Amino acid sequence: MQSDDLSVKERAVLFALLGEAREVTNPQLAECAGFRLDGKERRKLNGLKLVESRRAGRTYAHELTDAGWHWCAEELSA
């Protein structure tokens, strides 16, 4: 998988996490961005090492990795 093949939602998740600059749970992500990161999108971003996710009770918590920060910086400078 390449990070060039990201969907609009996957890109939006990366920028939402960039804006929060901290670990964000799915309910918090839904509140600030209007959607959650789950299923195939979560597995894809985790597989690309752009986002780290962990179980936080009954939900997931997500945070940008260093590679995720780099991806966002490259995307914004393009």
PDB file of N, CA and C in Angstrom:
ATOM      1  N   MET A   1       0.832  -1.187   0.000  1.00  0.00           N
ATOM      2  CA  MET A   1       0.000   0.000   0.000  1.00  0.00           C
ATOM      3  C   MET A   1       0.869   1.239   0.000  1.00  0.00           C
ATOM      4  N   GLN A   2       0.438   2.221  -0.764  1.00  0.00           N
ATOM      5  CA  GLN A   2       1.172   3.479  -0.796  1.00  0.00           C
ATOM      6  C   GLN A   2       0.313   4.589  -0.208  1.00  0.00           C
ATOM      7  N   SER A   3       0.965   5.541   0.413  1.00  0.00           N
ATOM      8  CA  SER A   3       0.211   6.650   1.004  1.00  0.00           C
ATOM      9  C   SER A   3      -0.360   7.576  -0.061  1.00  0.00           C
ATOM     10  N   ASP A   4       0.052   7.407  -1.324  1.00  0.00           N
ATOM     11  CA  ASP A   4      -0.516   8.206  -2.414  1.00  0.00           C
ATOM     12  C   ASP A   4      -1.943   7.782  -2.730  1.00  0.00           C
ATOM     13  N   ASP A   5      -2.321   6.575  -2.327  1.00  0.00           N
ATOM     14  CA  ASP A   5      -3.619   6.010  -2.654  1.00  0.00           C
ATOM     15  C   ASP A   5      -4.644   6.208  -1.541  1.00  0.00           C
ATOM     16  N   LEU A   6      -4.553   7.286  -0.812  1.00  0.00           N
ATOM     17  CA  LEU A   6      -5.459   7.519   0.304  1.00  0.00           C
ATOM     18  C   LEU A   6      -6.781   8.104  -0.182  1.00  0.00           C
ATOM     19  N   SER A   7      -7.864   7.663   0.447  1.00  0.00           N
ATOM     20  CA  SER A   7      -9.184   8.211   0.142  1.00  0.00           C
ATOM     21  C   SER A   7      -9.323   9.597   0.772  1.00  0.00           C
ATOM     22  N   VAL A   8     -10.368  10.280   0.421  1.00  0.00           N
ATOM     23  CA  VAL A   8     -10.636  11.606   0.990  1.00  0.00           C
ATOM     24  C   VAL A   8     -10.807  11.489   2.504  1.00  0.00           C
ATOM     25  N   LYS A   9     -11.533  10.475   2.967  1.00  0.00           N
ATOM     26  CA  LYS A   9     -11.750  10.298   4.407  1.00  0.00           C
ATOM     27  C   LYS A   9     -10.432  10.024   5.119  1.00  0.00           C
ATOM     28  N   GLU A  10      -9.574   9.185   4.536  1.00  0.00           N
ATOM     29  CA  GLU A  10      -8.290   8.877   5.156  1.00  0.00           C
ATOM     30  C   GLU A  10      -7.420  10.117   5.248  1.00  0.00           C
ATOM     31  N   ARG A  11      -7.426  10.931   4.214  1.00  0.00           N
ATOM     32  CA  ARG A  11      -6.681  12.191   4.238  1.00  0.00           C
ATOM     33  C   ARG A  11      -7.256  13.131   5.293  1.00  0.00           C
ATOM     34  N   ALA A  12      -8.578  13.186   5.376  1.00  0.00           N
ATOM     35  CA  ALA A  12      -9.233  14.052   6.357  1.00  0.00           C
ATOM     36  C   ALA A  12      -8.884  13.619   7.781  1.00  0.00           C
ATOM     37  N   VAL A  13      -8.813  12.309   8.014  1.00  0.00           N
ATOM     38  CA  VAL A  13      -8.427  11.806   9.335  1.00  0.00           C
ATOM     39  C   VAL A  13      -7.021  12.285   9.688  1.00  0.00           C
ATOM     40  N   LEU A  14      -6.099  12.169   8.739  1.00  0.00           N
ATOM     41  CA  LEU A  14      -4.726  12.594   9.008  1.00  0.00           C
ATOM     42  C   LEU A  14      -4.674  14.072   9.371  1.00  0.00           C
ATOM     43  N   PHE A  15      -5.397  14.904   8.643  1.00  0.00           N
ATOM     44  CA  PHE A  15      -5.378  16.339   8.940  1.00  0.00           C
ATOM     45  C   PHE A  15      -6.110  16.662  10.242  1.00  0.00           C
ATOM     46  N   ALA A  16      -7.173  15.908  10.554  1.00  0.00           N
ATOM     47  CA  ALA A  16      -7.866  16.113  11.832  1.00  0.00           C
ATOM     48  C   ALA A  16      -6.937  15.763  12.994  1.00  0.00           C
ATOM     49  N   LEU A  17      -6.203  14.661  12.868  1.00  0.00           N
ATOM     50  CA  LEU A  17      -5.255  14.287  13.911  1.00  0.00           C
ATOM     51  C   LEU A  17      -4.107  15.286  14.001  1.00  0.00           C
ATOM     52  N   LEU A  18      -3.696  15.813  12.863  1.00  0.00           N
ATOM     53  CA  LEU A  18      -2.672  16.858  12.849  1.00  0.00           C
ATOM     54  C   LEU A  18      -3.161  18.069  13.636  1.00  0.00           C
ATOM     55  N   GLY A  19      -4.391  18.478  13.392  1.00  0.00           N
ATOM     56  CA  GLY A  19      -4.957  19.642  14.072  1.00  0.00           C
ATOM     57  C   GLY A  19      -5.094  19.436  15.576  1.00  0.00           C
ATOM     58  N   GLU A  20      -5.410  18.216  15.982  1.00  0.00           N
ATOM     59  CA  GLU A  20      -5.550  17.926  17.412  1.00  0.00           C
ATOM     60  C   GLU A  20      -4.200  17.786  18.094  1.00  0.00           C
ATOM     61  N   ALA A  21      -3.203  17.269  17.383  1.00  0.00           N
ATOM     62  CA  ALA A  21      -1.833  17.122  17.901  1.00  0.00           C
ATOM     63  C   ALA A  21      -1.780  16.361  19.225  1.00  0.00           C
ATOM     64  N   ARG A  22      -2.606  15.337  19.342  1.00  0.00           N
ATOM     65  CA  ARG A  22      -2.639  14.498  20.542  1.00  0.00           C
ATOM     66  C   ARG A  22      -3.387  13.219  20.198  1.00  0.00           C
ATOM     67  N   GLU A  23      -3.410  12.300  21.123  1.00  0.00           N
ATOM     68  CA  GLU A  23      -4.203  11.089  20.929  1.00  0.00           C
ATOM     69  C   GLU A  23      -5.689  11.446  21.011  1.00  0.00           C
ATOM     70  N   VAL A  24      -6.477  10.917  20.078  1.00  0.00           N
ATOM     71  CA  VAL A  24      -7.897  11.245  19.985  1.00  0.00           C
ATOM     72  C   VAL A  24      -8.696   9.947  19.898  1.00  0.00           C
ATOM     73  N   THR A  25      -9.727   9.823  20.728  1.00  0.00           N
ATOM     74  CA  THR A  25     -10.602   8.653  20.652  1.00  0.00           C
ATOM     75  C   THR A  25     -11.599   8.827  19.503  1.00  0.00           C
ATOM     76  N   ASN A  26     -12.221   7.736  19.108  1.00  0.00           N
ATOM     77  CA  ASN A  26     -13.210   7.827  18.037  1.00  0.00           C
ATOM     78  C   ASN A  26     -14.353   8.790  18.373  1.00  0.00           C
ATOM     79  N   PRO A  27     -14.906   8.775  19.603  1.00  0.00           N
ATOM     80  CA  PRO A  27     -15.946   9.770  19.909  1.00  0.00           C
ATOM     81  C   PRO A  27     -15.441  11.217  19.801  1.00  0.00           C
ATOM     82  N   GLN A  28     -14.201  11.459  20.228  1.00  0.00           N
ATOM     83  CA  GLN A  28     -13.630  12.803  20.104  1.00  0.00           C
ATOM     84  C   GLN A  28     -13.418  13.172  18.644  1.00  0.00           C
ATOM     85  N   LEU A  29     -12.975  12.212  17.848  1.00  0.00           N
ATOM     86  CA  LEU A  29     -12.780  12.452  16.422  1.00  0.00           C
ATOM     87  C   LEU A  29     -14.117  12.746  15.744  1.00  0.00           C
ATOM     88  N   ALA A  30     -15.144  12.015  16.119  1.00  0.00           N
ATOM     89  CA  ALA A  30     -16.475  12.254  15.557  1.00  0.00           C
ATOM     90  C   ALA A  30     -16.976  13.647  15.924  1.00  0.00           C
ATOM     91  N   GLU A  31     -16.664  14.088  17.133  1.00  0.00           N
ATOM     92  CA  GLU A  31     -17.091  15.415  17.578  1.00  0.00           C
ATOM     93  C   GLU A  31     -16.382  16.532  16.821  1.00  0.00           C
ATOM     94  N   CYS A  32     -15.065  16.382  16.629  1.00  0.00           N
ATOM     95  CA  CYS A  32     -14.315  17.481  16.005  1.00  0.00           C
ATOM     96  C   CYS A  32     -14.298  17.391  14.477  1.00  0.00           C
ATOM     97  N   ALA A  33     -14.389  16.185  13.911  1.00  0.00           N
ATOM     98  CA  ALA A  33     -14.270  16.050  12.453  1.00  0.00           C
ATOM     99  C   ALA A  33     -15.542  15.528  11.786  1.00  0.00           C
ATOM    100  N   GLY A  34     -16.440  14.955  12.572  1.00  0.00           N
ATOM    101  CA  GLY A  34     -17.698  14.476  12.002  1.00  0.00           C
ATOM    102  C   GLY A  34     -17.680  13.020  11.558  1.00  0.00           C
ATOM    103  N   PHE A  35     -16.599  12.295  11.838  1.00  0.00           N
ATOM    104  CA  PHE A  35     -16.527  10.878  11.476  1.00  0.00           C
ATOM    105  C   PHE A  35     -15.548  10.169  12.392  1.00  0.00           C
ATOM    106  N   ARG A  36     -15.613   8.846  12.367  1.00  0.00           N
ATOM    107  CA  ARG A  36     -14.723   7.995  13.158  1.00  0.00           C
ATOM    108  C   ARG A  36     -13.724   7.315  12.238  1.00  0.00           C
ATOM    109  N   LEU A  37     -12.649   6.823  12.804  1.00  0.00           N
ATOM    110  CA  LEU A  37     -11.677   6.033  12.055  1.00  0.00           C
ATOM    111  C   LEU A  37     -11.824   4.585  12.512  1.00  0.00           C
ATOM    112  N   ASP A  38     -12.387   3.755  11.638  1.00  0.00           N
ATOM    113  CA  ASP A  38     -12.548   2.350  11.984  1.00  0.00           C
ATOM    114  C   ASP A  38     -12.469   1.479  10.736  1.00  0.00           C
ATOM    115  N   GLY A  39     -12.545   0.197  10.952  1.00  0.00           N
ATOM    116  CA  GLY A  39     -12.573  -0.747   9.851  1.00  0.00           C
ATOM    117  C   GLY A  39     -11.351  -0.683   8.955  1.00  0.00           C
ATOM    118  N   LYS A  40     -11.640  -0.781   7.652  1.00  0.00           N
ATOM    119  CA  LYS A  40     -10.539  -0.862   6.686  1.00  0.00           C
ATOM    120  C   LYS A  40      -9.692   0.398   6.653  1.00  0.00           C
ATOM    121  N   GLU A  41     -10.302   1.580   6.898  1.00  0.00           N
ATOM    122  CA  GLU A  41      -9.512   2.815   6.907  1.00  0.00           C
ATOM    123  C   GLU A  41      -8.488   2.793   8.043  1.00  0.00           C
ATOM    124  N   ARG A  42      -8.925   2.338   9.228  1.00  0.00           N
ATOM    125  CA  ARG A  42      -7.998   2.259  10.367  1.00  0.00           C
ATOM    126  C   ARG A  42      -6.871   1.278  10.071  1.00  0.00           C
ATOM    127  N   ARG A  43      -7.227   0.106   9.569  1.00  0.00           N
ATOM    128  CA  ARG A  43      -6.202  -0.894   9.264  1.00  0.00           C
ATOM    129  C   ARG A  43      -5.238  -0.399   8.186  1.00  0.00           C
ATOM    130  N   LYS A  44      -5.748   0.333   7.200  1.00  0.00           N
ATOM    131  CA  LYS A  44      -4.885   0.848   6.134  1.00  0.00           C
ATOM    132  C   LYS A  44      -3.898   1.883   6.672  1.00  0.00           C
ATOM    133  N   LEU A  45      -4.392   2.856   7.432  1.00  0.00           N
ATOM    134  CA  LEU A  45      -3.508   3.892   7.979  1.00  0.00           C
ATOM    135  C   LEU A  45      -2.525   3.312   8.986  1.00  0.00           C
ATOM    136  N   ASN A  46      -2.949   2.298   9.752  1.00  0.00           N
ATOM    137  CA  ASN A  46      -2.026   1.608  10.656  1.00  0.00           C
ATOM    138  C   ASN A  46      -0.983   0.840   9.861  1.00  0.00           C
ATOM    139  N   GLY A  47      -1.392   0.167   8.788  1.00  0.00           N
ATOM    140  CA  GLY A  47      -0.470  -0.598   7.952  1.00  0.00           C
ATOM    141  C   GLY A  47       0.563   0.270   7.268  1.00  0.00           C
ATOM    142  N   LEU A  48       0.144   1.485   6.904  1.00  0.00           N
ATOM    143  CA  LEU A  48       1.077   2.437   6.287  1.00  0.00           C
ATOM    144  C   LEU A  48       1.950   3.139   7.324  1.00  0.00           C
ATOM    145  N   LYS A  49       1.691   2.854   8.598  1.00  0.00           N
ATOM    146  CA  LYS A  49       2.446   3.444   9.717  1.00  0.00           C
ATOM    147  C   LYS A  49       2.268   4.959   9.799  1.00  0.00           C
ATOM    148  N   LEU A  50       1.098   5.445   9.340  1.00  0.00           N
ATOM    149  CA  LEU A  50       0.802   6.874   9.427  1.00  0.00           C
ATOM    150  C   LEU A  50       0.065   7.212  10.721  1.00  0.00           C
ATOM    151  N   VAL A  51      -0.664   6.228  11.252  1.00  0.00           N
ATOM    152  CA  VAL A  51      -1.452   6.410  12.469  1.00  0.00           C
ATOM    153  C   VAL A  51      -1.231   5.199  13.373  1.00  0.00           C
ATOM    154  N   GLU A  52      -1.102   5.455  14.662  1.00  0.00           N
ATOM    155  CA  GLU A  52      -1.090   4.387  15.662  1.00  0.00           C
ATOM    156  C   GLU A  52      -2.446   4.380  16.337  1.00  0.00           C
ATOM    157  N   SER A  53      -3.024   3.200  16.476  1.00  0.00           N
ATOM    158  CA  SER A  53      -4.319   3.059  17.130  1.00  0.00           C
ATOM    159  C   SER A  53      -4.191   2.041  18.253  1.00  0.00           C
ATOM    160  N   ARG A  54      -4.934   2.294  19.326  1.00  0.00           N
ATOM    161  CA  ARG A  54      -4.960   1.351  20.441  1.00  0.00           C
ATOM    162  C   ARG A  54      -6.371   1.298  20.997  1.00  0.00           C
ATOM    163  N   ARG A  55      -6.694   0.167  21.587  1.00  0.00           N
ATOM    164  CA  ARG A  55      -7.991   0.047  22.238  1.00  0.00           C
ATOM    165  C   ARG A  55      -7.999   0.921  23.483  1.00  0.00           C
ATOM    166  N   ALA A  56      -9.055   1.684  23.634  1.00  0.00           N
ATOM    167  CA  ALA A  56      -9.250   2.518  24.821  1.00  0.00           C
ATOM    168  C   ALA A  56     -10.654   2.218  25.337  1.00  0.00           C
ATOM    169  N   GLY A  57     -10.749   1.198  26.178  1.00  0.00           N
ATOM    170  CA  GLY A  57     -12.059   0.755  26.626  1.00  0.00           C
ATOM    171  C   GLY A  57     -12.787   0.076  25.485  1.00  0.00           C
ATOM    172  N   ARG A  58     -13.961   0.594  25.137  1.00  0.00           N
ATOM    173  CA  ARG A  58     -14.757  -0.002  24.070  1.00  0.00           C
ATOM    174  C   ARG A  58     -14.534   0.664  22.720  1.00  0.00           C
ATOM    175  N   THR A  59     -13.630   1.598  22.650  1.00  0.00           N
ATOM    176  CA  THR A  59     -13.381   2.317  21.404  1.00  0.00           C
ATOM    177  C   THR A  59     -11.887   2.286  21.088  1.00  0.00           C
ATOM    178  N   TYR A  60     -11.516   2.964  20.032  1.00  0.00           N
ATOM    179  CA  TYR A  60     -10.106   3.100  19.665  1.00  0.00           C
ATOM    180  C   TYR A  60      -9.648   4.534  19.900  1.00  0.00           C
ATOM    181  N   ALA A  61      -8.368   4.680  20.190  1.00  0.00           N
ATOM    182  CA  ALA A  61      -7.725   5.987  20.278  1.00  0.00           C
ATOM    183  C   ALA A  61      -6.637   6.015  19.219  1.00  0.00           C
ATOM    184  N   HIS A  62      -6.504   7.141  18.539  1.00  0.00           N
ATOM    185  CA  HIS A  62      -5.592   7.265  17.404  1.00  0.00           C
ATOM    186  C   HIS A  62      -4.657   8.461  17.603  1.00  0.00           C
ATOM    187  N   GLU A  63      -3.447   8.309  17.056  1.00  0.00           N
ATOM    188  CA  GLU A  63      -2.477   9.393  17.097  1.00  0.00           C
ATOM    189  C   GLU A  63      -1.590   9.294  15.859  1.00  0.00           C
ATOM    190  N   LEU A  64      -1.208  10.452  15.317  1.00  0.00           N
ATOM    191  CA  LEU A  64      -0.289  10.460  14.177  1.00  0.00           C
ATOM    192  C   LEU A  64       1.077   9.933  14.594  1.00  0.00           C
ATOM    193  N   THR A  65       1.689   9.167  13.724  1.00  0.00           N
ATOM    194  CA  THR A  65       3.074   8.746  13.924  1.00  0.00           C
ATOM    195  C   THR A  65       3.980   9.829  13.340  1.00  0.00           C
ATOM    196  N   ASP A  66       5.273   9.658  13.496  1.00  0.00           N
ATOM    197  CA  ASP A  66       6.216  10.583  12.862  1.00  0.00           C
ATOM    198  C   ASP A  66       6.030  10.568  11.348  1.00  0.00           C
ATOM    199  N   ALA A  67       5.773   9.380  10.782  1.00  0.00           N
ATOM    200  CA  ALA A  67       5.529   9.283   9.341  1.00  0.00           C
ATOM    201  C   ALA A  67       4.242  10.011   8.959  1.00  0.00           C
ATOM    202  N   GLY A  68       3.241   9.966   9.834  1.00  0.00           N
ATOM    203  CA  GLY A  68       1.994  10.688   9.589  1.00  0.00           C
ATOM    204  C   GLY A  68       2.201  12.191   9.593  1.00  0.00           C
ATOM    205  N   TRP A  69       3.004  12.672  10.537  1.00  0.00           N
ATOM    206  CA  TRP A  69       3.338  14.103  10.582  1.00  0.00           C
ATOM    207  C   TRP A  69       4.077  14.507   9.313  1.00  0.00           C
ATOM    208  N   HIS A  70       5.007  13.658   8.896  1.00  0.00           N
ATOM    209  CA  HIS A  70       5.777  13.938   7.678  1.00  0.00           C
ATOM    210  C   HIS A  70       4.857  13.959   6.454  1.00  0.00           C
ATOM    211  N   TRP A  71       3.921  12.988   6.369  1.00  0.00           N
ATOM    212  CA  TRP A  71       2.980  12.944   5.248  1.00  0.00           C
ATOM    213  C   TRP A  71       2.189  14.250   5.184  1.00  0.00           C
ATOM    214  N   CYS A  72       1.680  14.695   6.320  1.00  0.00           N
ATOM    215  CA  CYS A  72       0.894  15.941   6.356  1.00  0.00           C
ATOM    216  C   CYS A  72       1.731  17.138   5.929  1.00  0.00           C
ATOM    217  N   ALA A  73       2.963  17.214   6.406  1.00  0.00           N
ATOM    218  CA  ALA A  73       3.840  18.332   6.034  1.00  0.00           C
ATOM    219  C   ALA A  73       4.104  18.331   4.536  1.00  0.00           C
ATOM    220  N   GLU A  74       4.370  17.164   3.973  1.00  0.00           N
ATOM    221  CA  GLU A  74       4.592  17.059   2.519  1.00  0.00           C
ATOM    222  C   GLU A  74       3.352  17.448   1.748  1.00  0.00           C
ATOM    223  N   GLU A  75       2.208  17.000   2.193  1.00  0.00           N
ATOM    224  CA  GLU A  75       0.939  17.296   1.510  1.00  0.00           C
ATOM    225  C   GLU A  75       0.642  18.800   1.546  1.00  0.00           C
ATOM    226  N   LEU A  76       0.891  19.432   2.697  1.00  0.00           N
ATOM    227  CA  LEU A  76       0.631  20.871   2.819  1.00  0.00           C
ATOM    228  C   LEU A  76       1.620  21.722   2.037  1.00  0.00           C
ATOM    229  N   SER A  77       2.813  21.205   1.810  1.00  0.00           N
ATOM    230  CA  SER A  77       3.804  21.988   1.081  1.00  0.00           C
ATOM    231  C   SER A  77       3.713  21.798  -0.430  1.00  0.00           C
ATOM    232  N   ALA A  78       2.887  20.851  -0.867  1.00  0.00           N
ATOM    233  CA  ALA A  78       2.761  20.578  -2.315  1.00  0.00           C
ATOM    234  C   ALA A  78       2.036  21.688  -3.049  1.00  0.00           C
TER     235      ALA A  78
END
